């Protein structure tokens, strides 16, 4: 049987950051990506959806101030993450993110994969300034998605 997840290869870039504790958005994860990165990430989670437990690791670059500055929330925390390990657990009901040094581990399951996929679809076409729920728990922090700044060759209204 063909292993579609193992055959996946990353294209483009995905950016992940957060803000310091003194910021009202502390504890929230923020995402953006270039169109190729968003398509590639969606392709990966599409390959995972409905299958058995698996994982893949993506390279993630440092987040330039122009990218983390899009929301206007001030300076990012300045974390230096180098890889994002995407773990698919079919029965996982929540989206979660764990920090392990310079590695992030994003865990997802069938229940929330469609929302995550839709978010990266919107970012790919230049949309942003929206969040998705990570859990049915209303107190859980959402994840936020932002367009790429025009200085990176895209603008906020691309695709509208």
N, C-alpha and C. Protein backbone atom coordinates (compact mmCIF):
# COMPACT_ATOMS: atom_id res chain seq x y z
N UNK A 1 0.84 -1.18 0.00
CA UNK A 1 0.00 0.00 0.00
C UNK A 1 0.88 1.25 0.00
N UNK A 2 0.50 2.24 -0.75
CA UNK A 2 1.27 3.48 -0.89
C UNK A 2 1.12 4.35 0.35
N UNK A 3 2.23 4.92 0.81
CA UNK A 3 2.23 5.78 1.99
C UNK A 3 2.28 7.24 1.53
N UNK A 4 1.11 7.84 1.33
CA UNK A 4 1.00 9.19 0.80
C UNK A 4 1.63 10.23 1.72
N UNK A 5 1.53 10.02 3.02
CA UNK A 5 2.10 10.99 3.96
C UNK A 5 3.63 11.00 3.86
N UNK A 6 4.24 9.83 3.78
CA UNK A 6 5.70 9.76 3.67
C UNK A 6 6.21 10.36 2.36
N UNK A 7 5.40 10.33 1.33
CA UNK A 7 5.81 10.86 0.02
C UNK A 7 5.68 12.37 -0.07
N UNK A 8 4.99 12.98 0.89
CA UNK A 8 4.80 14.44 0.87
C UNK A 8 6.13 15.17 1.01
N UNK A 9 6.30 16.25 0.25
CA UNK A 9 7.48 17.11 0.33
C UNK A 9 7.03 18.55 0.50
N UNK A 10 7.65 19.24 1.43
CA UNK A 10 7.30 20.63 1.71
C UNK A 10 7.67 21.55 0.57
N UNK A 11 6.78 22.50 0.30
CA UNK A 11 7.04 23.58 -0.63
C UNK A 11 6.66 24.87 0.09
N UNK A 12 7.29 25.96 -0.25
CA UNK A 12 6.96 27.25 0.33
C UNK A 12 7.27 27.33 1.81
N UNK A 13 6.69 28.36 2.45
CA UNK A 13 6.98 28.61 3.86
C UNK A 13 5.71 28.87 4.67
N UNK A 14 5.73 28.37 5.88
CA UNK A 14 4.70 28.62 6.88
C UNK A 14 5.39 29.34 8.03
N UNK A 15 4.73 30.33 8.59
CA UNK A 15 5.28 31.10 9.72
C UNK A 15 4.38 30.93 10.94
N UNK A 16 5.03 30.74 12.10
CA UNK A 16 4.31 30.54 13.35
C UNK A 16 4.97 31.41 14.41
N UNK A 17 4.15 32.16 15.17
CA UNK A 17 4.72 33.00 16.22
C UNK A 17 3.70 33.23 17.33
N UNK A 18 4.17 33.87 18.37
CA UNK A 18 3.31 34.28 19.49
C UNK A 18 3.84 35.58 20.05
N UNK A 19 3.11 36.15 20.98
CA UNK A 19 3.46 37.44 21.57
C UNK A 19 3.83 37.25 23.04
N UNK A 20 4.62 38.17 23.61
CA UNK A 20 5.09 38.03 25.00
C UNK A 20 3.94 38.11 26.02
N UNK A 21 4.26 37.69 27.24
CA UNK A 21 3.26 37.62 28.31
C UNK A 21 2.59 38.95 28.63
N UNK A 22 3.27 40.07 28.39
CA UNK A 22 2.67 41.36 28.69
C UNK A 22 1.72 41.84 27.60
N UNK A 23 1.49 41.04 26.59
CA UNK A 23 0.61 41.38 25.48
C UNK A 23 -0.74 40.70 25.71
N UNK A 24 -1.83 41.37 25.40
CA UNK A 24 -3.15 40.76 25.61
C UNK A 24 -3.37 39.53 24.72
N UNK A 25 -2.53 39.33 23.73
CA UNK A 25 -2.64 38.17 22.84
C UNK A 25 -1.65 37.06 23.22
N UNK A 26 -1.05 37.18 24.39
CA UNK A 26 -0.12 36.15 24.87
C UNK A 26 -0.87 34.82 24.99
N UNK A 27 -0.19 33.76 24.66
CA UNK A 27 -0.79 32.43 24.75
C UNK A 27 -1.50 32.00 23.48
N UNK A 28 -1.69 32.93 22.55
CA UNK A 28 -2.32 32.61 21.28
C UNK A 28 -1.25 32.32 20.24
N UNK A 29 -1.53 31.38 19.35
CA UNK A 29 -0.63 31.09 18.25
C UNK A 29 -1.11 31.83 17.02
N UNK A 30 -0.15 32.34 16.24
CA UNK A 30 -0.44 33.11 15.04
C UNK A 30 0.27 32.46 13.87
N UNK A 31 -0.39 32.44 12.72
CA UNK A 31 0.11 31.74 11.53
C UNK A 31 -0.02 32.62 10.30
N UNK A 32 0.90 32.45 9.38
CA UNK A 32 0.81 33.01 8.04
C UNK A 32 1.63 32.10 7.13
N UNK A 33 1.61 32.38 5.86
CA UNK A 33 2.40 31.59 4.93
C UNK A 33 2.30 32.12 3.53
N UNK A 34 3.29 31.80 2.72
CA UNK A 34 3.19 32.17 1.32
C UNK A 34 2.23 31.18 0.64
N UNK A 35 1.74 31.52 -0.55
CA UNK A 35 0.76 30.62 -1.20
C UNK A 35 1.25 29.18 -1.34
N UNK A 36 2.50 28.99 -1.75
CA UNK A 36 3.02 27.63 -1.91
C UNK A 36 3.06 26.90 -0.57
N UNK A 37 3.44 27.60 0.50
CA UNK A 37 3.48 27.00 1.82
C UNK A 37 2.11 26.59 2.32
N UNK A 38 1.12 27.45 2.09
CA UNK A 38 -0.25 27.13 2.50
C UNK A 38 -0.79 25.93 1.74
N UNK A 39 -0.56 25.90 0.42
CA UNK A 39 -1.00 24.75 -0.39
C UNK A 39 -0.32 23.47 0.07
N UNK A 40 0.97 23.57 0.33
CA UNK A 40 1.74 22.40 0.75
C UNK A 40 1.24 21.87 2.09
N UNK A 41 0.98 22.78 3.03
CA UNK A 41 0.48 22.36 4.34
C UNK A 41 -0.88 21.69 4.19
N UNK A 42 -1.76 22.28 3.38
CA UNK A 42 -3.08 21.68 3.15
C UNK A 42 -2.94 20.30 2.52
N UNK A 43 -2.02 20.17 1.58
CA UNK A 43 -1.81 18.89 0.94
C UNK A 43 -1.39 17.84 1.98
N UNK A 44 -0.52 18.24 2.90
CA UNK A 44 -0.09 17.32 3.95
C UNK A 44 -1.27 16.87 4.80
N UNK A 45 -2.05 17.81 5.31
CA UNK A 45 -3.13 17.39 6.20
C UNK A 45 -4.24 16.65 5.44
N UNK A 46 -4.40 16.94 4.14
CA UNK A 46 -5.33 16.15 3.33
C UNK A 46 -4.87 14.69 3.24
N UNK A 47 -3.57 14.49 3.12
CA UNK A 47 -3.03 13.13 3.07
C UNK A 47 -3.22 12.40 4.39
N UNK A 48 -3.21 13.16 5.49
CA UNK A 48 -3.37 12.58 6.82
C UNK A 48 -4.82 12.25 7.13
N UNK A 49 -5.74 13.10 6.68
CA UNK A 49 -7.16 13.01 7.04
C UNK A 49 -7.73 11.63 6.77
N UNK A 50 -8.44 11.12 7.75
CA UNK A 50 -9.11 9.84 7.60
C UNK A 50 -8.21 8.63 7.71
N UNK A 51 -6.91 8.85 7.84
CA UNK A 51 -5.97 7.73 7.91
C UNK A 51 -5.62 7.35 9.34
N UNK A 52 -4.54 6.65 9.45
CA UNK A 52 -4.05 6.21 10.75
C UNK A 52 -3.11 7.27 11.33
N UNK A 53 -2.77 7.10 12.60
CA UNK A 53 -1.86 8.03 13.27
C UNK A 53 -0.55 8.11 12.49
N UNK A 54 -0.07 9.34 12.31
CA UNK A 54 1.17 9.56 11.57
C UNK A 54 1.70 10.95 11.90
N UNK A 55 2.87 11.27 11.38
CA UNK A 55 3.43 12.61 11.57
C UNK A 55 4.40 12.93 10.44
N UNK A 56 4.63 14.23 10.26
CA UNK A 56 5.64 14.75 9.33
C UNK A 56 6.20 16.01 9.95
N UNK A 57 7.39 16.37 9.53
CA UNK A 57 8.05 17.56 10.06
C UNK A 57 8.31 18.55 8.93
N UNK A 58 7.99 19.83 9.21
CA UNK A 58 8.21 20.92 8.26
C UNK A 58 9.29 21.83 8.80
N UNK A 59 10.03 22.44 7.91
CA UNK A 59 10.95 23.51 8.29
C UNK A 59 10.13 24.78 8.45
N UNK A 60 10.42 25.55 9.49
CA UNK A 60 9.77 26.86 9.61
C UNK A 60 10.86 27.91 9.82
N UNK A 61 10.79 28.97 9.03
CA UNK A 61 11.82 30.01 9.12
C UNK A 61 11.54 30.98 10.26
N UNK A 62 12.54 31.78 10.59
CA UNK A 62 12.33 32.88 11.54
C UNK A 62 11.24 33.78 10.99
N UNK A 63 10.48 34.37 11.87
CA UNK A 63 9.39 35.26 11.47
C UNK A 63 9.91 36.68 11.42
N UNK A 64 9.92 37.26 10.24
CA UNK A 64 10.36 38.65 10.07
C UNK A 64 9.39 39.59 10.78
N UNK A 65 9.89 40.70 11.32
CA UNK A 65 9.00 41.68 11.97
C UNK A 65 7.88 42.16 11.06
N UNK A 66 8.11 42.21 9.75
CA UNK A 66 7.06 42.64 8.83
C UNK A 66 5.88 41.66 8.83
N UNK A 67 6.16 40.38 9.09
CA UNK A 67 5.10 39.37 9.12
C UNK A 67 4.39 39.40 10.47
N UNK A 68 5.13 39.34 11.56
CA UNK A 68 4.49 39.34 12.89
C UNK A 68 3.87 40.69 13.21
N UNK A 69 4.24 41.73 12.46
CA UNK A 69 3.67 43.05 12.67
C UNK A 69 2.35 43.28 11.97
N UNK A 70 1.93 42.37 11.10
CA UNK A 70 0.67 42.54 10.37
C UNK A 70 -0.51 42.80 11.30
N UNK A 71 -0.68 42.06 12.39
CA UNK A 71 -1.85 42.31 13.24
C UNK A 71 -1.80 43.63 14.00
N UNK A 72 -0.60 44.22 14.13
CA UNK A 72 -0.48 45.46 14.89
C UNK A 72 -0.51 45.23 16.39
N UNK A 73 -0.08 44.05 16.84
CA UNK A 73 -0.09 43.71 18.27
C UNK A 73 1.24 43.98 18.94
N UNK A 74 2.14 44.68 18.28
CA UNK A 74 3.45 44.95 18.86
C UNK A 74 4.45 43.88 18.45
N UNK A 75 5.57 43.89 19.14
CA UNK A 75 6.68 42.99 18.83
C UNK A 75 6.33 41.56 19.25
N UNK A 76 6.69 40.60 18.39
CA UNK A 76 6.46 39.19 18.72
C UNK A 76 7.39 38.76 19.86
N UNK A 77 7.12 37.60 20.39
CA UNK A 77 7.92 37.07 21.50
C UNK A 77 9.37 36.82 21.10
N UNK A 78 9.61 36.61 19.83
CA UNK A 78 10.98 36.40 19.35
C UNK A 78 11.46 34.97 19.52
N UNK A 79 10.52 34.03 19.66
CA UNK A 79 10.90 32.61 19.73
C UNK A 79 11.62 32.22 18.46
N UNK A 80 12.53 31.27 18.57
CA UNK A 80 13.24 30.75 17.40
C UNK A 80 12.87 29.28 17.23
N UNK A 81 11.83 29.05 16.46
CA UNK A 81 11.42 27.68 16.15
C UNK A 81 11.97 27.33 14.78
N UNK A 82 12.51 26.13 14.64
CA UNK A 82 13.09 25.73 13.37
C UNK A 82 12.27 24.68 12.64
N UNK A 83 11.51 23.89 13.40
CA UNK A 83 10.68 22.86 12.77
C UNK A 83 9.32 22.79 13.43
N UNK A 84 8.35 22.35 12.64
CA UNK A 84 7.00 22.11 13.09
C UNK A 84 6.68 20.66 12.80
N UNK A 85 6.50 19.90 13.85
CA UNK A 85 6.13 18.49 13.71
C UNK A 85 4.61 18.43 13.73
N UNK A 86 4.01 17.95 12.67
CA UNK A 86 2.57 17.82 12.57
C UNK A 86 2.21 16.38 12.88
N UNK A 87 1.47 16.19 13.98
CA UNK A 87 1.09 14.86 14.44
C UNK A 87 -0.41 14.68 14.23
N UNK A 88 -0.77 13.68 13.47
CA UNK A 88 -2.18 13.36 13.24
C UNK A 88 -2.56 12.19 14.14
N UNK A 89 -3.50 12.45 15.03
CA UNK A 89 -4.10 11.42 15.88
C UNK A 89 -5.58 11.42 15.54
N UNK A 90 -6.08 10.44 14.80
CA UNK A 90 -7.45 10.49 14.29
C UNK A 90 -8.51 10.88 15.32
N UNK A 91 -8.37 10.40 16.55
CA UNK A 91 -9.39 10.66 17.57
C UNK A 91 -9.16 11.93 18.37
N UNK A 92 -8.10 12.68 18.09
CA UNK A 92 -7.86 13.93 18.83
C UNK A 92 -9.01 14.89 18.55
N UNK A 93 -9.58 15.45 19.61
CA UNK A 93 -10.72 16.35 19.45
C UNK A 93 -10.30 17.81 19.40
N UNK A 94 -9.11 18.13 19.88
CA UNK A 94 -8.64 19.51 19.94
C UNK A 94 -7.41 19.69 19.07
N UNK A 95 -7.17 20.94 18.68
CA UNK A 95 -5.89 21.31 18.09
C UNK A 95 -4.98 21.68 19.25
N UNK A 96 -3.76 21.25 19.23
CA UNK A 96 -2.83 21.64 20.30
C UNK A 96 -1.46 21.94 19.72
N UNK A 97 -0.72 22.77 20.46
CA UNK A 97 0.63 23.13 20.07
C UNK A 97 1.50 23.03 21.31
N UNK A 98 2.58 22.29 21.21
CA UNK A 98 3.53 22.14 22.31
C UNK A 98 4.89 22.64 21.85
N UNK A 99 5.59 23.30 22.76
CA UNK A 99 6.93 23.80 22.50
C UNK A 99 7.93 22.83 23.12
N UNK A 100 8.88 22.39 22.31
CA UNK A 100 9.95 21.50 22.76
C UNK A 100 11.26 22.08 22.25
N UNK A 101 11.76 23.08 22.96
CA UNK A 101 12.97 23.77 22.50
C UNK A 101 12.69 24.55 21.24
N UNK A 102 13.42 24.23 20.17
CA UNK A 102 13.22 24.91 18.90
C UNK A 102 12.20 24.18 18.01
N UNK A 103 11.59 23.13 18.57
CA UNK A 103 10.60 22.37 17.81
C UNK A 103 9.20 22.62 18.36
N UNK A 104 8.26 22.83 17.45
CA UNK A 104 6.85 22.91 17.80
C UNK A 104 6.20 21.60 17.39
N UNK A 105 5.26 21.13 18.19
CA UNK A 105 4.49 19.94 17.82
C UNK A 105 3.02 20.33 17.78
N UNK A 106 2.46 20.28 16.59
CA UNK A 106 1.05 20.56 16.36
C UNK A 106 0.34 19.23 16.26
N UNK A 107 -0.66 19.03 17.10
CA UNK A 107 -1.43 17.79 17.07
C UNK A 107 -2.85 18.11 16.60
N UNK A 108 -3.35 17.30 15.68
CA UNK A 108 -4.69 17.47 15.17
C UNK A 108 -5.33 16.13 14.91
N UNK A 109 -6.65 16.13 14.82
CA UNK A 109 -7.41 14.92 14.52
C UNK A 109 -8.48 15.22 13.50
N UNK A 110 -9.26 14.21 13.17
CA UNK A 110 -10.29 14.36 12.16
C UNK A 110 -11.32 15.44 12.50
N UNK A 111 -11.57 15.66 13.79
CA UNK A 111 -12.61 16.61 14.19
C UNK A 111 -12.33 18.06 13.76
N UNK A 112 -11.08 18.51 13.81
CA UNK A 112 -10.78 19.92 13.53
C UNK A 112 -9.93 20.13 12.27
N UNK A 113 -9.69 19.07 11.55
CA UNK A 113 -8.82 19.19 10.38
C UNK A 113 -9.44 20.09 9.30
N UNK A 114 -10.76 20.04 9.13
CA UNK A 114 -11.40 20.86 8.10
C UNK A 114 -11.24 22.36 8.41
N UNK A 115 -11.36 22.74 9.66
CA UNK A 115 -11.21 24.16 10.04
C UNK A 115 -9.78 24.63 9.78
N UNK A 116 -8.80 23.80 10.11
CA UNK A 116 -7.40 24.17 9.88
C UNK A 116 -7.12 24.27 8.39
N UNK A 117 -7.66 23.35 7.64
CA UNK A 117 -7.50 23.37 6.18
C UNK A 117 -8.10 24.65 5.60
N UNK A 118 -9.30 24.98 6.01
CA UNK A 118 -9.98 26.18 5.51
C UNK A 118 -9.19 27.44 5.83
N UNK A 119 -8.60 27.49 7.02
CA UNK A 119 -7.81 28.66 7.42
C UNK A 119 -6.62 28.86 6.48
N UNK A 120 -5.90 27.80 6.17
CA UNK A 120 -4.76 27.93 5.27
C UNK A 120 -5.19 28.21 3.83
N UNK A 121 -6.39 27.80 3.46
CA UNK A 121 -6.92 28.14 2.14
C UNK A 121 -7.12 29.65 2.03
N UNK A 122 -7.68 30.25 3.08
CA UNK A 122 -7.91 31.69 3.07
C UNK A 122 -6.60 32.48 3.07
N UNK A 123 -5.64 32.04 3.86
CA UNK A 123 -4.34 32.74 3.89
C UNK A 123 -3.67 32.65 2.53
N UNK A 124 -3.80 31.52 1.86
CA UNK A 124 -3.18 31.35 0.54
C UNK A 124 -3.63 32.43 -0.45
N UNK A 125 -4.88 32.86 -0.37
CA UNK A 125 -5.41 33.84 -1.33
C UNK A 125 -5.36 35.26 -0.78
N UNK A 126 -4.61 35.47 0.30
CA UNK A 126 -4.39 36.82 0.81
C UNK A 126 -5.35 37.27 1.89
N UNK A 127 -6.15 36.38 2.41
CA UNK A 127 -7.08 36.73 3.48
C UNK A 127 -6.37 36.61 4.83
N UNK A 128 -6.98 37.16 5.86
CA UNK A 128 -6.42 37.07 7.19
C UNK A 128 -7.28 37.81 8.19
N UNK A 129 -6.76 37.93 9.40
CA UNK A 129 -7.45 38.59 10.50
C UNK A 129 -8.68 37.78 10.93
N UNK A 130 -8.46 36.50 11.16
CA UNK A 130 -9.52 35.63 11.66
C UNK A 130 -8.91 34.54 12.51
N UNK A 131 -9.72 33.94 13.34
CA UNK A 131 -9.25 32.86 14.20
C UNK A 131 -10.11 31.63 14.03
N UNK A 132 -9.59 30.51 14.50
CA UNK A 132 -10.36 29.27 14.54
C UNK A 132 -10.32 28.73 15.97
N UNK A 133 -11.38 28.06 16.33
CA UNK A 133 -11.45 27.42 17.65
C UNK A 133 -10.54 26.20 17.68
N UNK A 134 -9.86 26.02 18.78
CA UNK A 134 -8.98 24.86 18.93
C UNK A 134 -9.64 23.75 19.75
N UNK A 135 -10.80 24.07 20.33
CA UNK A 135 -11.45 23.15 21.25
C UNK A 135 -12.92 23.55 21.40
N UNK A 136 -13.71 22.66 21.93
CA UNK A 136 -15.09 23.01 22.29
C UNK A 136 -15.12 23.82 23.58
N UNK A 137 -14.02 23.83 24.31
CA UNK A 137 -13.91 24.62 25.54
C UNK A 137 -13.81 26.10 25.15
N UNK A 138 -14.80 26.88 25.52
CA UNK A 138 -14.83 28.29 25.15
C UNK A 138 -13.68 29.10 25.76
N UNK A 139 -13.03 28.58 26.79
CA UNK A 139 -11.91 29.28 27.41
C UNK A 139 -10.58 29.00 26.72
N UNK A 140 -10.57 28.03 25.83
CA UNK A 140 -9.33 27.69 25.11
C UNK A 140 -8.97 28.82 24.15
N UNK A 141 -7.69 29.13 24.07
CA UNK A 141 -7.22 30.17 23.16
C UNK A 141 -7.37 29.71 21.71
N UNK A 142 -7.83 30.62 20.86
CA UNK A 142 -7.93 30.31 19.44
C UNK A 142 -6.58 30.46 18.76
N UNK A 143 -6.53 30.02 17.53
CA UNK A 143 -5.37 30.24 16.68
C UNK A 143 -5.74 31.29 15.65
N UNK A 144 -4.82 32.21 15.36
CA UNK A 144 -5.07 33.35 14.50
C UNK A 144 -4.28 33.25 13.20
N UNK A 145 -4.90 33.72 12.13
CA UNK A 145 -4.32 33.61 10.79
C UNK A 145 -4.28 34.98 10.14
N UNK A 146 -3.14 35.26 9.47
CA UNK A 146 -2.87 36.59 8.92
C UNK A 146 -2.37 36.49 7.50
N UNK A 147 -2.69 37.48 6.69
CA UNK A 147 -2.19 37.58 5.33
C UNK A 147 -0.70 37.91 5.37
N UNK A 148 -0.04 37.62 4.28
CA UNK A 148 1.36 38.00 4.15
C UNK A 148 1.41 39.49 3.79
N UNK A 149 2.35 40.23 4.36
CA UNK A 149 2.45 41.66 4.04
C UNK A 149 2.86 41.89 2.59
N UNK A 150 2.47 43.04 2.06
CA UNK A 150 2.76 43.34 0.65
C UNK A 150 4.26 43.37 0.37
N UNK A 151 5.08 43.64 1.38
CA UNK A 151 6.53 43.65 1.17
C UNK A 151 7.07 42.26 0.83
N UNK A 152 6.23 41.23 1.02
CA UNK A 152 6.63 39.87 0.67
C UNK A 152 5.98 39.42 -0.63
N UNK A 153 5.51 40.41 -1.44
CA UNK A 153 4.98 40.09 -2.76
C UNK A 153 3.50 39.79 -2.79
N UNK A 154 2.82 39.91 -1.68
CA UNK A 154 1.38 39.67 -1.62
C UNK A 154 0.72 40.89 -1.02
N UNK A 155 -0.57 41.01 -1.18
CA UNK A 155 -1.26 42.05 -0.43
C UNK A 155 -2.54 41.50 0.17
N UNK A 156 -3.08 42.25 1.06
CA UNK A 156 -4.23 41.84 1.86
C UNK A 156 -5.44 41.44 1.01
N UNK A 157 -5.57 42.03 -0.16
CA UNK A 157 -6.79 41.82 -0.93
C UNK A 157 -6.61 40.88 -2.11
N UNK A 158 -5.48 40.25 -2.19
CA UNK A 158 -5.22 39.32 -3.29
C UNK A 158 -6.27 38.22 -3.25
N UNK A 159 -6.85 37.91 -4.39
CA UNK A 159 -7.80 36.81 -4.48
C UNK A 159 -9.23 37.20 -4.15
N UNK A 160 -9.48 38.45 -3.77
CA UNK A 160 -10.86 38.83 -3.46
C UNK A 160 -11.55 39.39 -4.66
